[in-house]
Amino acid sequence: MAVHIKTGREIEGIRRAGAIIGEVFEALRAAVEPGVSLKRLERLCAERIRSSDAEPTFLGYRGFPGAVCLSVNEEVVHGIPDERKLNDGDLLKADIGVTKDGFIADAARTFEVGDVRPELRELVAVTEQSFWRGAARARGGNRVRDISAAVQDYVEERGYSVVRELCGHGVGLELHEEPSVPNFVSRNRGMKLVPGMTLAIEPMVNMGGFEVDTLANGWTVVARDRKPSAHYENTVLVTEGEPVILTNV
């Protein structure tokens, strides 16, 4: 698949979808608390998205049954919302895609539920900061590898690990576009970045090892050692200068 360099009109369309995600995160922030069910949070997200004349991108994507991905504690990504209730001290990862007028934005946050242990707060903080370190490299003339190295170096220097079986990706006209954006350095230097690319940069950081498994439901990815994981993602526009965050509203 070729990389699509976005036009100004397309960038604005992605930005509008990203603004809706920002509003959903605000609603989630107010609703996440011990005792609330994942299904209730999913309904809140879906209602907020549809009230903006948009659609939840993930619903039905390759058969995914949820409007959003909600993953708890050792669940890394692709958690299916169900009637489970959050407990005090949990970490909730919310990964949300929005399609508005044919344009797609994708972002994720990790929410702390109630009174979270200091070591988990540190995991969340490192994950977010690793995103900003990587996103800062999303400039024309750099390569995908520059993003990957910035994320991996920051995470591993602090004693955590980056998940290697999943990665970021291009986004905007499709949910998953080229190029892939790993959170670790591979032998491949990766594509040269060009202004107008829109990338979903998304560090997934484990407290323990980087190895993961997929549960029997065929979707939910969990840390193999069952230690906690955190996730932070935005849709980022590559420019000649400072990258532009299209979902950080």
C-alpha atoms as a PDB file:
ATOM      1  CA  MET A   1       0.000   0.000   0.000  1.00  0.00           C
ATOM      2  CA  ALA A   2       1.356   3.400  -0.974  1.00  0.00           C
ATOM      3  CA  VAL A   3       1.612   6.211   1.546  1.00  0.00           C
ATOM      4  CA  HIS A   4      -1.013   8.890   1.020  1.00  0.00           C
ATOM      5  CA  ILE A   5       0.285  12.429   1.535  1.00  0.00           C
ATOM      6  CA  LYS A   6      -2.704  14.354   2.859  1.00  0.00           C
ATOM      7  CA  THR A   7      -4.042  17.531   1.305  1.00  0.00           C
ATOM      8  CA  GLY A   8      -5.045  20.519   3.388  1.00  0.00           C
ATOM      9  CA  ARG A   9      -8.710  19.526   3.112  1.00  0.00           C
ATOM     10  CA  GLU A  10      -7.946  16.006   4.267  1.00  0.00           C
ATOM     11  CA  ILE A  11      -5.871  17.221   7.205  1.00  0.00           C
ATOM     12  CA  GLU A  12      -8.746  19.412   8.348  1.00  0.00           C
ATOM     13  CA  GLY A  13     -11.116  16.446   8.071  1.00  0.00           C
ATOM     14  CA  ILE A  14      -8.817  14.318  10.226  1.00  0.00           C
ATOM     15  CA  ARG A  15      -8.516  17.198  12.690  1.00  0.00           C
ATOM     16  CA  ARG A  16     -12.322  17.375  13.034  1.00  0.00           C
ATOM     17  CA  ALA A  17     -12.448  13.643  13.767  1.00  0.00           C
ATOM     18  CA  GLY A  18      -9.629  14.133  16.275  1.00  0.00           C
ATOM     19  CA  ALA A  19     -11.508  16.897  18.057  1.00  0.00           C
ATOM     20  CA  ILE A  20     -14.387  14.486  18.678  1.00  0.00           C
ATOM     21  CA  ILE A  21     -11.969  11.994  20.233  1.00  0.00           C
ATOM     22  CA  GLY A  22     -10.772  14.751  22.544  1.00  0.00           C
ATOM     23  CA  GLU A  23     -14.352  15.359  23.679  1.00  0.00           C
ATOM     24  CA  VAL A  24     -14.864  11.637  24.282  1.00  0.00           C
ATOM     25  CA  PHE A  25     -11.730  11.489  26.427  1.00  0.00           C
ATOM     26  CA  GLU A  26     -13.049  14.384  28.514  1.00  0.00           C
ATOM     27  CA  ALA A  27     -16.328  12.539  29.036  1.00  0.00           C
ATOM     28  CA  LEU A  28     -14.458   9.367  29.971  1.00  0.00           C
ATOM     29  CA  ARG A  29     -12.240  11.219  32.423  1.00  0.00           C
ATOM     30  CA  ALA A  30     -15.346  12.314  34.310  1.00  0.00           C
ATOM     31  CA  ALA A  31     -16.964   8.858  34.189  1.00  0.00           C
ATOM     32  CA  VAL A  32     -14.081   6.517  35.035  1.00  0.00           C
ATOM     33  CA  GLU A  33     -14.370   5.435  38.672  1.00  0.00           C
ATOM     34  CA  PRO A  34     -14.451   2.243  40.731  1.00  0.00           C
ATOM     35  CA  GLY A  35     -17.650   0.295  40.139  1.00  0.00           C
ATOM     36  CA  VAL A  36     -18.440   1.521  36.620  1.00  0.00           C
ATOM     37  CA  SER A  37     -18.748  -1.207  33.980  1.00  0.00           C
ATOM     38  CA  LEU A  38     -16.786  -1.300  30.742  1.00  0.00           C
ATOM     39  CA  LYS A  39     -20.049  -1.677  28.837  1.00  0.00           C
ATOM     40  CA  ARG A  40     -21.401   1.536  30.355  1.00  0.00           C
ATOM     41  CA  LEU A  41     -18.232   3.374  29.357  1.00  0.00           C
ATOM     42  CA  GLU A  42     -18.489   1.981  25.838  1.00  0.00           C
ATOM     43  CA  ARG A  43     -22.054   3.257  25.533  1.00  0.00           C
ATOM     44  CA  LEU A  44     -20.968   6.679  26.733  1.00  0.00           C
ATOM     45  CA  CYS A  45     -18.237   6.800  24.070  1.00  0.00           C
ATOM     46  CA  ALA A  46     -20.509   5.608  21.270  1.00  0.00           C
ATOM     47  CA  GLU A  47     -23.261   8.075  22.177  1.00  0.00           C
ATOM     48  CA  ARG A  48     -20.806  10.975  22.304  1.00  0.00           C
ATOM     49  CA  ILE A  49     -19.316  10.049  18.933  1.00  0.00           C
ATOM     50  CA  ARG A  50     -22.697   9.664  17.228  1.00  0.00           C
ATOM     51  CA  SER A  51     -23.986  12.911  18.710  1.00  0.00           C
ATOM     52  CA  SER A  52     -21.282  14.598  16.603  1.00  0.00           C
ATOM     53  CA  ASP A  53     -22.589  12.972  13.390  1.00  0.00           C
ATOM     54  CA  ALA A  54     -19.626  10.621  13.386  1.00  0.00           C
ATOM     55  CA  GLU A  55     -19.135   6.867  13.750  1.00  0.00           C
ATOM     56  CA  PRO A  56     -16.961   4.660  15.991  1.00  0.00           C
ATOM     57  CA  THR A  57     -14.329   3.422  13.539  1.00  0.00           C
ATOM     58  CA  PHE A  58     -13.540   0.230  15.404  1.00  0.00           C
ATOM     59  CA  LEU A  59     -17.088  -1.180  15.502  1.00  0.00           C
ATOM     60  CA  GLY A  60     -17.151  -4.093  13.067  1.00  0.00           C
ATOM     61  CA  TYR A  61     -13.588  -3.452  11.858  1.00  0.00           C
ATOM     62  CA  ARG A  62     -12.362  -6.924  10.859  1.00  0.00           C
ATOM     63  CA  GLY A  63     -15.217  -8.186  13.033  1.00  0.00           C
ATOM     64  CA  PHE A  64     -14.309  -6.319  16.225  1.00  0.00           C
ATOM     65  CA  PRO A  65     -17.470  -6.298  18.381  1.00  0.00           C
ATOM     66  CA  GLY A  66     -16.933  -3.090  20.380  1.00  0.00           C
ATOM     67  CA  ALA A  67     -17.349   0.603  19.592  1.00  0.00           C
ATOM     68  CA  VAL A  68     -14.044   1.300  21.368  1.00  0.00           C
ATOM     69  CA  CYS A  69     -11.224  -0.786  22.836  1.00  0.00           C
ATOM     70  CA  LEU A  70     -11.185  -0.848  26.648  1.00  0.00           C
ATOM     71  CA  SER A  71      -8.304  -2.790  28.216  1.00  0.00           C
ATOM     72  CA  VAL A  72      -7.619  -3.208  31.931  1.00  0.00           C
ATOM     73  CA  ASN A  73      -4.314  -3.691  33.792  1.00  0.00           C
ATOM     74  CA  GLU A  74      -2.296  -6.461  32.081  1.00  0.00           C
ATOM     75  CA  GLU A  75      -4.467  -6.161  28.962  1.00  0.00           C
ATOM     76  CA  VAL A  76      -2.326  -4.200  26.507  1.00  0.00           C
ATOM     77  CA  VAL A  77      -4.804  -3.381  23.722  1.00  0.00           C
ATOM     78  CA  HIS A  78      -7.956  -4.545  21.923  1.00  0.00           C
ATOM     79  CA  GLY A  79      -9.975  -5.234  25.049  1.00  0.00           C
ATOM     80  CA  ILE A  80     -13.641  -5.922  24.304  1.00  0.00           C
ATOM     81  CA  PRO A  81     -16.017  -3.914  26.519  1.00  0.00           C
ATOM     82  CA  ASP A  82     -18.188  -6.177  28.700  1.00  0.00           C
ATOM     83  CA  GLU A  83     -20.007  -6.043  32.032  1.00  0.00           C
ATOM     84  CA  ARG A  84     -16.817  -6.185  34.098  1.00  0.00           C
ATOM     85  CA  LYS A  85     -16.602  -3.369  36.637  1.00  0.00           C
ATOM     86  CA  LEU A  86     -13.504  -1.328  37.319  1.00  0.00           C
ATOM     87  CA  ASN A  87     -11.820  -1.673  40.686  1.00  0.00           C
ATOM     88  CA  ASP A  88      -9.958   0.885  42.754  1.00  0.00           C
ATOM     89  CA  GLY A  89      -6.332   0.930  41.620  1.00  0.00           C
ATOM     90  CA  ASP A  90      -6.952  -0.341  38.069  1.00  0.00           C
ATOM     91  CA  LEU A  91      -5.438   1.069  34.892  1.00  0.00           C
ATOM     92  CA  LEU A  92      -7.922   1.500  32.042  1.00  0.00           C
ATOM     93  CA  LYS A  93      -6.637   1.862  28.495  1.00  0.00           C
ATOM     94  CA  ALA A  94      -9.153   3.503  26.124  1.00  0.00           C
ATOM     95  CA  ASP A  95      -8.297   3.315  22.424  1.00  0.00           C
ATOM     96  CA  ILE A  96     -10.742   5.249  20.237  1.00  0.00           C
ATOM     97  CA  GLY A  97     -11.161   5.699  16.509  1.00  0.00           C
ATOM     98  CA  VAL A  98     -13.607   8.199  15.013  1.00  0.00           C
ATOM     99  CA  THR A  99     -14.770   8.451  11.405  1.00  0.00           C
ATOM    100  CA  LYS A 100     -16.215  11.852  10.476  1.00  0.00           C
ATOM    101  CA  ASP A 101     -17.207  12.622   6.877  1.00  0.00           C
ATOM    102  CA  GLY A 102     -14.941   9.824   5.689  1.00  0.00           C
ATOM    103  CA  PHE A 103     -11.857  10.952   7.648  1.00  0.00           C
ATOM    104  CA  ILE A 104     -10.380   8.938  10.511  1.00  0.00           C
ATOM    105  CA  ALA A 105      -8.480   9.865  13.661  1.00  0.00           C
ATOM    106  CA  ASP A 106      -7.124   7.414  16.246  1.00  0.00           C
ATOM    107  CA  ALA A 107      -5.912   8.025  19.805  1.00  0.00           C
ATOM    108  CA  ALA A 108      -5.526   6.277  23.164  1.00  0.00           C
ATOM    109  CA  ARG A 109      -5.140   7.229  26.802  1.00  0.00           C
ATOM    110  CA  THR A 110      -4.507   5.347  30.047  1.00  0.00           C
ATOM    111  CA  PHE A 111      -6.836   6.343  32.899  1.00  0.00           C
ATOM    112  CA  GLU A 112      -6.033   5.771  36.558  1.00  0.00           C
ATOM    113  CA  VAL A 113      -9.016   4.360  38.455  1.00  0.00           C
ATOM    114  CA  GLY A 114      -9.349   5.657  41.992  1.00  0.00           C
ATOM    115  CA  ASP A 115      -6.243   5.353  44.172  1.00  0.00           C
ATOM    116  CA  VAL A 116      -3.505   3.942  41.947  1.00  0.00           C
ATOM    117  CA  ARG A 117      -0.150   2.703  43.292  1.00  0.00           C
ATOM    118  CA  PRO A 118       2.803   5.054  42.713  1.00  0.00           C
ATOM    119  CA  GLU A 119       4.605   2.530  40.517  1.00  0.00           C
ATOM    120  CA  LEU A 120       1.593   2.385  38.197  1.00  0.00           C
ATOM    121  CA  ARG A 121       1.393   6.173  38.016  1.00  0.00           C
ATOM    122  CA  GLU A 122       5.053   6.163  37.017  1.00  0.00           C
ATOM    123  CA  LEU A 123       4.353   3.604  34.267  1.00  0.00           C
ATOM    124  CA  VAL A 124       1.581   5.815  32.892  1.00  0.00           C
ATOM    125  CA  ALA A 125       3.792   8.917  33.016  1.00  0.00           C
ATOM    126  CA  VAL A 126       6.705   7.207  31.259  1.00  0.00           C
ATOM    127  CA  THR A 127       4.393   5.884  28.545  1.00  0.00           C
ATOM    128  CA  GLU A 128       2.986   9.333  27.825  1.00  0.00           C
ATOM    129  CA  GLN A 129       6.406  10.960  27.840  1.00  0.00           C
ATOM    130  CA  SER A 130       7.752   8.300  25.472  1.00  0.00           C
ATOM    131  CA  PHE A 131       5.034   9.313  23.013  1.00  0.00           C
ATOM    132  CA  TRP A 132       6.165  12.944  23.131  1.00  0.00           C
ATOM    133  CA  ARG A 133       9.791  11.901  22.664  1.00  0.00           C
ATOM    134  CA  GLY A 134       8.826   9.878  19.590  1.00  0.00           C
ATOM    135  CA  ALA A 135       6.390  12.424  18.164  1.00  0.00           C
ATOM    136  CA  ALA A 136       9.070  15.125  18.310  1.00  0.00           C
ATOM    137  CA  ARG A 137      10.951  13.156  15.638  1.00  0.00           C
ATOM    138  CA  ALA A 138       7.975  13.129  13.226  1.00  0.00           C
ATOM    139  CA  ARG A 139       9.525  15.748  10.944  1.00  0.00           C
ATOM    140  CA  GLY A 140      10.100  15.821   7.227  1.00  0.00           C
ATOM    141  CA  GLY A 141      13.507  14.336   6.363  1.00  0.00           C
ATOM    142  CA  ASN A 142      13.661  12.037   9.392  1.00  0.00           C
ATOM    143  CA  ARG A 143      12.855   8.349   9.154  1.00  0.00           C
ATOM    144  CA  VAL A 144      10.371   6.136  10.957  1.00  0.00           C
ATOM    145  CA  ARG A 145      13.353   4.618  12.785  1.00  0.00           C
ATOM    146  CA  ASP A 146      13.996   7.990  14.465  1.00  0.00           C
ATOM    147  CA  ILE A 147      10.556   7.837  16.097  1.00  0.00           C
ATOM    148  CA  SER A 148      11.078   4.207  17.107  1.00  0.00           C
ATOM    149  CA  ALA A 149      14.481   4.858  18.667  1.00  0.00           C
ATOM    150  CA  ALA A 150      13.257   7.828  20.697  1.00  0.00           C
ATOM    151  CA  VAL A 151      10.401   5.786  22.189  1.00  0.00           C
ATOM    152  CA  GLN A 152      12.466   2.680  22.905  1.00  0.00           C
ATOM    153  CA  ASP A 153      15.412   4.514  24.416  1.00  0.00           C
ATOM    154  CA  TYR A 154      13.239   6.530  26.796  1.00  0.00           C
ATOM    155  CA  VAL A 155      11.220   3.489  27.931  1.00  0.00           C
ATOM    156  CA  GLU A 156      14.089   1.056  28.375  1.00  0.00           C
ATOM    157  CA  GLU A 157      16.302   3.555  30.187  1.00  0.00           C
ATOM    158  CA  ARG A 158      13.567   3.609  32.847  1.00  0.00           C
ATOM    159  CA  GLY A 159      13.355  -0.151  33.219  1.00  0.00           C
ATOM    160  CA  TYR A 160      10.209  -0.862  31.201  1.00  0.00           C
ATOM    161  CA  SER A 161       9.718  -2.627  27.871  1.00  0.00           C
ATOM    162  CA  VAL A 162       7.964  -1.729  24.631  1.00  0.00           C
ATOM    163  CA  VAL A 163       5.581  -4.218  23.043  1.00  0.00           C
ATOM    164  CA  ARG A 164       7.054  -5.489  19.768  1.00  0.00           C
ATOM    165  CA  GLU A 165       4.218  -7.455  18.209  1.00  0.00           C
ATOM    166  CA  LEU A 166       2.091  -4.339  17.678  1.00  0.00           C
ATOM    167  CA  CYS A 167       2.972  -0.919  16.350  1.00  0.00           C
ATOM    168  CA  GLY A 168       1.719   2.452  15.212  1.00  0.00           C
ATOM    169  CA  HIS A 169       0.651   3.149  11.646  1.00  0.00           C
ATOM    170  CA  GLY A 170      -0.452   5.651   9.093  1.00  0.00           C
ATOM    171  CA  VAL A 171      -4.056   6.783   9.477  1.00  0.00           C
ATOM    172  CA  GLY A 172      -6.535   9.239   7.988  1.00  0.00           C
ATOM    173  CA  LEU A 173      -8.369   7.841   4.967  1.00  0.00           C
ATOM    174  CA  GLU A 174      -8.151   4.276   6.274  1.00  0.00           C
ATOM    175  CA  LEU A 175      -7.719   3.112   9.854  1.00  0.00           C
ATOM    176  CA  HIS A 176      -4.457   1.358   9.061  1.00  0.00           C
ATOM    177  CA  GLU A 177      -2.273   2.856   6.357  1.00  0.00           C
ATOM    178  CA  GLU A 178       1.418   2.691   5.537  1.00  0.00           C
ATOM    179  CA  PRO A 179       3.910   3.189   7.048  1.00  0.00           C
ATOM    180  CA  SER A 180       4.103   0.974  10.110  1.00  0.00           C
ATOM    181  CA  VAL A 181       5.582   2.841  13.091  1.00  0.00           C
ATOM    182  CA  PRO A 182       7.244   0.392  15.523  1.00  0.00           C
ATOM    183  CA  ASN A 183       8.069   1.423  19.074  1.00  0.00           C
ATOM    184  CA  PHE A 184      11.419  -0.337  18.863  1.00  0.00           C
ATOM    185  CA  VAL A 185      14.355  -0.244  16.473  1.00  0.00           C
ATOM    186  CA  SER A 186      14.472  -3.015  13.889  1.00  0.00           C
ATOM    187  CA  ARG A 187      16.967  -3.679  11.108  1.00  0.00           C
ATOM    188  CA  ASN A 188      14.759  -1.737   8.727  1.00  0.00           C
ATOM    189  CA  ARG A 189      15.456   2.006   8.928  1.00  0.00           C
ATOM    190  CA  GLY A 190      11.868   2.652   7.922  1.00  0.00           C
ATOM    191  CA  MET A 191      10.446   5.052   5.430  1.00  0.00           C
ATOM    192  CA  LYS A 192      11.636   8.630   5.055  1.00  0.00           C
ATOM    193  CA  LEU A 193       9.061  10.994   6.522  1.00  0.00           C
ATOM    194  CA  VAL A 194       7.401  13.532   4.247  1.00  0.00           C
ATOM    195  CA  PRO A 195       5.272  16.541   5.249  1.00  0.00           C
ATOM    196  CA  GLY A 196       1.599  15.661   4.906  1.00  0.00           C
ATOM    197  CA  MET A 197       1.912  12.161   6.362  1.00  0.00           C
ATOM    198  CA  THR A 198      -0.474  11.471   9.240  1.00  0.00           C
ATOM    199  CA  LEU A 199       0.741   8.868  11.724  1.00  0.00           C
ATOM    200  CA  ALA A 200      -0.824   7.135  14.708  1.00  0.00           C
ATOM    201  CA  ILE A 201       2.152   7.014  17.075  1.00  0.00           C
ATOM    202  CA  GLU A 202       1.269   4.752  20.007  1.00  0.00           C
ATOM    203  CA  PRO A 203       3.729   3.459  22.578  1.00  0.00           C
ATOM    204  CA  MET A 204       2.470   0.354  24.388  1.00  0.00           C
ATOM    205  CA  VAL A 205       4.666  -0.080  27.454  1.00  0.00           C
ATOM    206  CA  ASN A 206       4.820  -3.070  29.802  1.00  0.00           C
ATOM    207  CA  MET A 207       6.000  -2.999  33.391  1.00  0.00           C
ATOM    208  CA  GLY A 208       7.569  -6.413  32.853  1.00  0.00           C
ATOM    209  CA  GLY A 209       8.703  -8.152  29.667  1.00  0.00           C
ATOM    210  CA  PHE A 210       7.665  -7.134  26.174  1.00  0.00           C
ATOM    211  CA  GLU A 211       6.181 -10.529  25.303  1.00  0.00           C
ATOM    212  CA  VAL A 212       2.410 -10.680  24.779  1.00  0.00           C
ATOM    213  CA  ASP A 213      -0.317 -13.248  24.139  1.00  0.00           C
ATOM    214  CA  THR A 214      -3.758 -13.009  22.555  1.00  0.00           C
ATOM    215  CA  LEU A 215      -6.691 -14.302  24.598  1.00  0.00           C
ATOM    216  CA  ALA A 216      -9.157 -16.909  23.364  1.00  0.00           C
ATOM    217  CA  ASN A 217     -11.551 -14.176  22.199  1.00  0.00           C
ATOM    218  CA  GLY A 218      -9.105 -13.583  19.346  1.00  0.00           C
ATOM    219  CA  TRP A 219      -8.694  -9.886  20.112  1.00  0.00           C
ATOM    220  CA  THR A 220      -7.453  -8.959  23.565  1.00  0.00           C
ATOM    221  CA  VAL A 221      -3.659  -8.761  23.789  1.00  0.00           C
ATOM    222  CA  VAL A 222      -2.211  -9.276  27.282  1.00  0.00           C
ATOM    223  CA  ALA A 223       1.267  -9.093  28.775  1.00  0.00           C
ATOM    224  CA  ARG A 224       2.552 -12.662  28.921  1.00  0.00           C
ATOM    225  CA  ASP A 225       3.851 -12.184  32.481  1.00  0.00           C
ATOM    226  CA  ARG A 226       0.477 -10.567  33.405  1.00  0.00           C
ATOM    227  CA  LYS A 227       2.170  -7.409  34.672  1.00  0.00           C
ATOM    228  CA  PRO A 228       0.486  -4.036  34.047  1.00  0.00           C
ATOM    229  CA  SER A 229       0.697  -2.218  30.730  1.00  0.00           C
ATOM    230  CA  ALA A 230       0.003   1.364  29.618  1.00  0.00           C
ATOM    231  CA  HIS A 231      -0.866   2.917  26.237  1.00  0.00           C
ATOM    232  CA  TYR A 232      -0.731   6.465  24.857  1.00  0.00           C
ATOM    233  CA  GLU A 233      -1.517   7.475  21.273  1.00  0.00           C
ATOM    234  CA  ASN A 234      -2.237  10.480  19.098  1.00  0.00           C
ATOM    235  CA  THR A 235      -2.666  11.106  15.394  1.00  0.00           C
ATOM    236  CA  VAL A 236       0.320  13.226  14.352  1.00  0.00           C
ATOM    237  CA  LEU A 237       0.808  15.368  11.227  1.00  0.00           C
ATOM    238  CA  VAL A 238       4.347  15.385   9.838  1.00  0.00           C
ATOM    239  CA  THR A 239       5.552  18.861   8.813  1.00  0.00           C
ATOM    240  CA  GLU A 240       8.884  20.451   7.923  1.00  0.00           C
ATOM    241  CA  GLY A 241       9.045  21.811  11.471  1.00  0.00           C
ATOM    242  CA  GLU A 242       7.192  21.026  14.686  1.00  0.00           C
ATOM    243  CA  PRO A 243       4.842  18.033  14.323  1.00  0.00           C
ATOM    244  CA  VAL A 244       1.150  18.839  14.772  1.00  0.00           C
ATOM    245  CA  ILE A 245      -1.022  16.737  17.098  1.00  0.00           C
ATOM    246  CA  LEU A 246      -4.469  16.259  15.530  1.00  0.00           C
ATOM    247  CA  THR A 247      -6.080  14.483  18.507  1.00  0.00           C
ATOM    248  CA  ASN A 248      -4.657  16.221  21.580  1.00  0.00           C
ATOM    249  CA  VAL A 249      -7.749  18.306  22.355  1.00  0.00           C
END
